[in-house]
Amino acid sequence: MQSTTHDSNAIWQQCYLGLGSNLSNELGNPKQHIAQAIAQLKAHPHIRHIQVSSLYSSKPMGPQDQPDFINAVVGLETTLEPLQLLDTCQQLEQNAQRQRLRHWGERSLDVDILLYGEQHIQLPTLTIPHAGINQRNFVLVPLAELNPKLIIHGKSIEQYPMSHDYTGLRKLPT
């Protein structure tokens, strides 16, 4: 989905970000980390039309000796290029004082680019669509909530079994 702004030649790309948190720190708890990241996205001059899924609690993908995650998906339009958007996501993580303790370990905030328009990108630092997107119900369920007509890898999101699989997922009250 592309549209041009009236005041510039910037192309607005529809993107989806996955947000997750399972660690509290002096800046807040997991729900607060996600809310603060969303507020920062809303304040960004090159981001608009933000939609936020429900929050979901999910079991960790990696080591099980850590708290459950709080996950959400954010849909937005941006004029940022993919690597600029990646920088923005990593800045959000730094703002939440994320520390990389272990692979798939606990974190105050994880922000992943899931989809960037219809682009397919394979770089050492960025893969779009996100690797494993079609195998993670904590991503597909909230993504389907935001856009049930979404196409990923040439298939409708509704064709992915994980988009209907609530195993280990719990929708949190608003």
Protein backbone atom coordinates (compact mmCIF):
# COMPACT_ATOMS: atom_id res chain seq x y z
CA MET A 1 0.00 0.00 0.00
CA GLN A 2 1.65 3.21 -1.12
CA SER A 3 0.44 6.76 -1.05
CA THR A 4 2.17 10.07 -1.48
CA THR A 5 1.89 12.93 0.98
CA HIS A 6 0.57 16.26 -0.26
CA ASP A 7 3.53 18.27 1.03
CA SER A 8 6.46 16.12 -0.19
CA ASN A 9 7.41 13.29 -2.47
CA ALA A 10 7.81 10.86 0.42
CA ILE A 11 6.31 7.42 -0.13
CA TRP A 12 4.40 6.07 2.85
CA GLN A 13 4.89 2.31 3.28
CA GLN A 14 2.54 0.11 5.33
CA CYS A 15 4.63 -1.76 7.91
CA TYR A 16 4.02 -4.06 10.84
CA LEU A 17 6.17 -4.30 13.95
CA GLY A 18 6.16 -7.00 16.61
CA LEU A 19 6.63 -5.82 20.19
CA GLY A 20 7.44 -8.07 23.12
CA SER A 21 8.53 -7.67 26.72
CA ASN A 22 8.90 -9.92 29.75
CA LEU A 23 11.22 -7.99 32.01
CA SER A 24 10.56 -5.14 34.40
CA ASN A 25 13.16 -2.53 35.24
CA GLU A 26 13.24 0.93 36.79
CA LEU A 27 11.48 2.26 33.65
CA GLY A 28 8.44 0.03 34.03
CA ASN A 29 6.86 -3.38 33.65
CA PRO A 30 6.33 -5.20 30.33
CA LYS A 31 2.96 -3.54 29.61
CA GLN A 32 4.49 -0.13 30.33
CA HIS A 33 7.51 -0.83 28.08
CA ILE A 34 5.16 -1.64 25.19
CA ALA A 35 2.97 1.42 25.90
CA GLN A 36 6.04 3.68 26.02
CA ALA A 37 7.33 2.29 22.70
CA ILE A 38 3.94 2.90 21.08
CA ALA A 39 3.91 6.48 22.42
CA GLN A 40 7.38 7.05 20.94
CA LEU A 41 6.23 5.67 17.58
CA LYS A 42 3.21 8.00 17.64
CA ALA A 43 5.52 10.96 18.27
CA HIS A 44 7.87 10.10 15.38
CA PRO A 45 7.59 12.62 12.50
CA HIS A 46 8.00 9.93 9.82
CA ILE A 47 5.38 7.54 11.22
CA ARG A 48 1.60 7.88 11.02
CA HIS A 49 -1.68 5.91 11.11
CA ILE A 50 -0.69 3.65 13.99
CA GLN A 51 -2.93 0.69 14.82
CA VAL A 52 -2.24 -1.47 17.87
CA SER A 53 -3.44 -5.03 18.39
CA SER A 54 -4.63 -6.39 21.68
CA LEU A 55 -1.96 -7.43 24.15
CA TYR A 56 -1.30 -11.15 24.48
CA SER A 57 0.54 -13.15 27.10
CA SER A 58 2.66 -15.95 25.67
CA LYS A 59 5.15 -18.54 26.81
CA PRO A 60 8.77 -17.71 25.92
CA MET A 61 10.12 -19.20 22.68
CA GLY A 62 13.56 -19.85 24.09
CA PRO A 63 14.62 -20.83 27.59
CA GLN A 64 11.58 -21.59 29.74
CA ASP A 65 13.15 -20.33 32.99
CA GLN A 66 11.92 -16.80 32.32
CA PRO A 67 8.62 -14.93 32.70
CA ASP A 68 5.89 -15.09 30.08
CA PHE A 69 6.02 -12.39 27.40
CA ILE A 70 3.55 -9.64 26.72
CA ASN A 71 3.24 -9.29 22.92
CA ALA A 72 1.50 -6.94 20.50
CA VAL A 73 1.66 -6.01 16.83
CA VAL A 74 1.67 -2.44 15.60
CA GLY A 75 0.60 -1.46 12.10
CA LEU A 76 1.85 1.87 10.81
CA GLU A 77 2.78 3.87 7.75
CA THR A 78 6.28 5.28 7.48
CA THR A 79 8.52 7.17 5.08
CA LEU A 80 11.58 5.67 6.77
CA GLU A 81 13.63 3.28 4.66
CA PRO A 82 13.86 -0.29 6.06
CA LEU A 83 17.28 0.20 7.71
CA GLN A 84 16.16 3.55 9.16
CA LEU A 85 13.09 1.83 10.60
CA LEU A 86 15.39 -0.86 12.04
CA ASP A 87 17.46 1.90 13.69
CA THR A 88 14.24 3.35 15.13
CA CYS A 89 13.24 -0.07 16.51
CA GLN A 90 16.66 -0.54 18.09
CA GLN A 91 16.45 2.95 19.60
CA LEU A 92 13.10 2.01 21.19
CA GLU A 93 14.81 -1.04 22.70
CA GLN A 94 17.67 1.11 24.03
CA ASN A 95 15.16 3.59 25.47
CA ALA A 96 13.72 0.67 27.49
CA GLN A 97 17.27 -0.25 28.60
CA ARG A 98 17.24 -3.58 26.82
CA GLN A 99 20.16 -5.82 27.70
CA ARG A 100 21.01 -8.83 25.55
CA LEU A 101 21.68 -11.43 28.23
CA ARG A 102 21.18 -14.61 26.17
CA HIS A 103 19.68 -15.75 22.87
CA TRP A 104 15.86 -15.71 23.09
CA GLY A 105 16.22 -14.65 26.70
CA GLU A 106 14.34 -12.19 28.81
CA ARG A 107 14.21 -8.57 27.71
CA SER A 108 12.63 -5.29 28.68
CA LEU A 109 11.65 -4.67 25.04
CA ASP A 110 12.02 -6.42 21.71
CA VAL A 111 10.86 -4.61 18.56
CA ASP A 112 10.99 -6.49 15.26
CA ILE A 113 10.06 -5.37 11.76
CA LEU A 114 7.64 -8.05 10.60
CA LEU A 115 6.65 -6.64 7.22
CA TYR A 116 7.68 -3.59 5.23
CA GLY A 117 5.23 -2.99 2.40
CA GLU A 118 5.52 -5.93 0.03
CA GLN A 119 9.30 -5.90 0.13
CA HIS A 120 11.51 -8.96 0.56
CA ILE A 121 14.85 -8.03 2.12
CA GLN A 122 17.73 -10.35 2.98
CA LEU A 123 20.61 -8.53 4.67
CA PRO A 124 22.96 -9.63 7.45
CA THR A 125 21.11 -7.27 9.85
CA LEU A 126 17.56 -7.45 8.50
CA THR A 127 15.25 -10.07 7.01
CA ILE A 128 11.80 -9.04 5.77
CA PRO A 129 9.33 -10.68 6.04
CA HIS A 130 10.65 -11.52 9.49
CA ALA A 131 12.19 -15.00 9.67
CA GLY A 132 9.78 -17.40 11.31
CA ILE A 133 6.81 -15.04 11.01
CA ASN A 134 4.55 -17.85 9.78
CA GLN A 135 5.44 -20.13 12.74
CA ARG A 136 4.73 -17.78 15.64
CA ASN A 137 1.18 -17.50 16.89
CA PHE A 138 2.13 -14.62 19.20
CA VAL A 139 2.84 -12.67 15.98
CA LEU A 140 0.22 -14.09 13.58
CA VAL A 141 -2.79 -13.89 15.91
CA PRO A 142 -2.39 -10.14 16.64
CA LEU A 143 -1.34 -9.51 13.01
CA ALA A 144 -4.55 -11.18 11.78
CA GLU A 145 -6.49 -9.10 14.31
CA LEU A 146 -5.15 -5.91 12.70
CA ASN A 147 -5.43 -7.04 9.07
CA PRO A 148 -7.23 -10.33 8.33
CA LYS A 149 -6.71 -9.76 4.57
CA LEU A 150 -2.92 -9.48 4.85
CA ILE A 151 -0.79 -11.45 2.37
CA ILE A 152 2.51 -12.99 3.60
CA HIS A 153 4.76 -15.00 1.29
CA GLY A 154 1.94 -15.03 -1.29
CA LYS A 155 -0.63 -16.53 1.10
CA SER A 156 -3.47 -14.92 3.02
CA ILE A 157 -2.70 -14.72 6.73
CA GLU A 158 -5.86 -16.76 7.33
CA GLN A 159 -4.24 -19.68 5.45
CA TYR A 160 -1.53 -19.97 8.12
CA PRO A 161 -2.68 -22.39 10.84
CA MET A 162 -0.78 -20.43 13.51
CA SER A 163 -2.98 -17.36 12.86
CA HIS A 164 -5.85 -19.30 14.50
CA ASP A 165 -3.81 -21.17 17.13
CA TYR A 166 -4.15 -19.80 20.65
CA THR A 167 -2.01 -22.53 22.24
CA GLY A 168 0.03 -20.84 24.99
CA LEU A 169 -1.55 -17.46 24.17
CA ARG A 170 -3.89 -15.47 26.36
CA LYS A 171 -5.54 -12.24 25.21
CA LEU A 172 -5.18 -9.70 27.99
CA PRO A 173 -8.07 -7.49 29.08
CA THR A 174 -7.91 -3.93 27.78
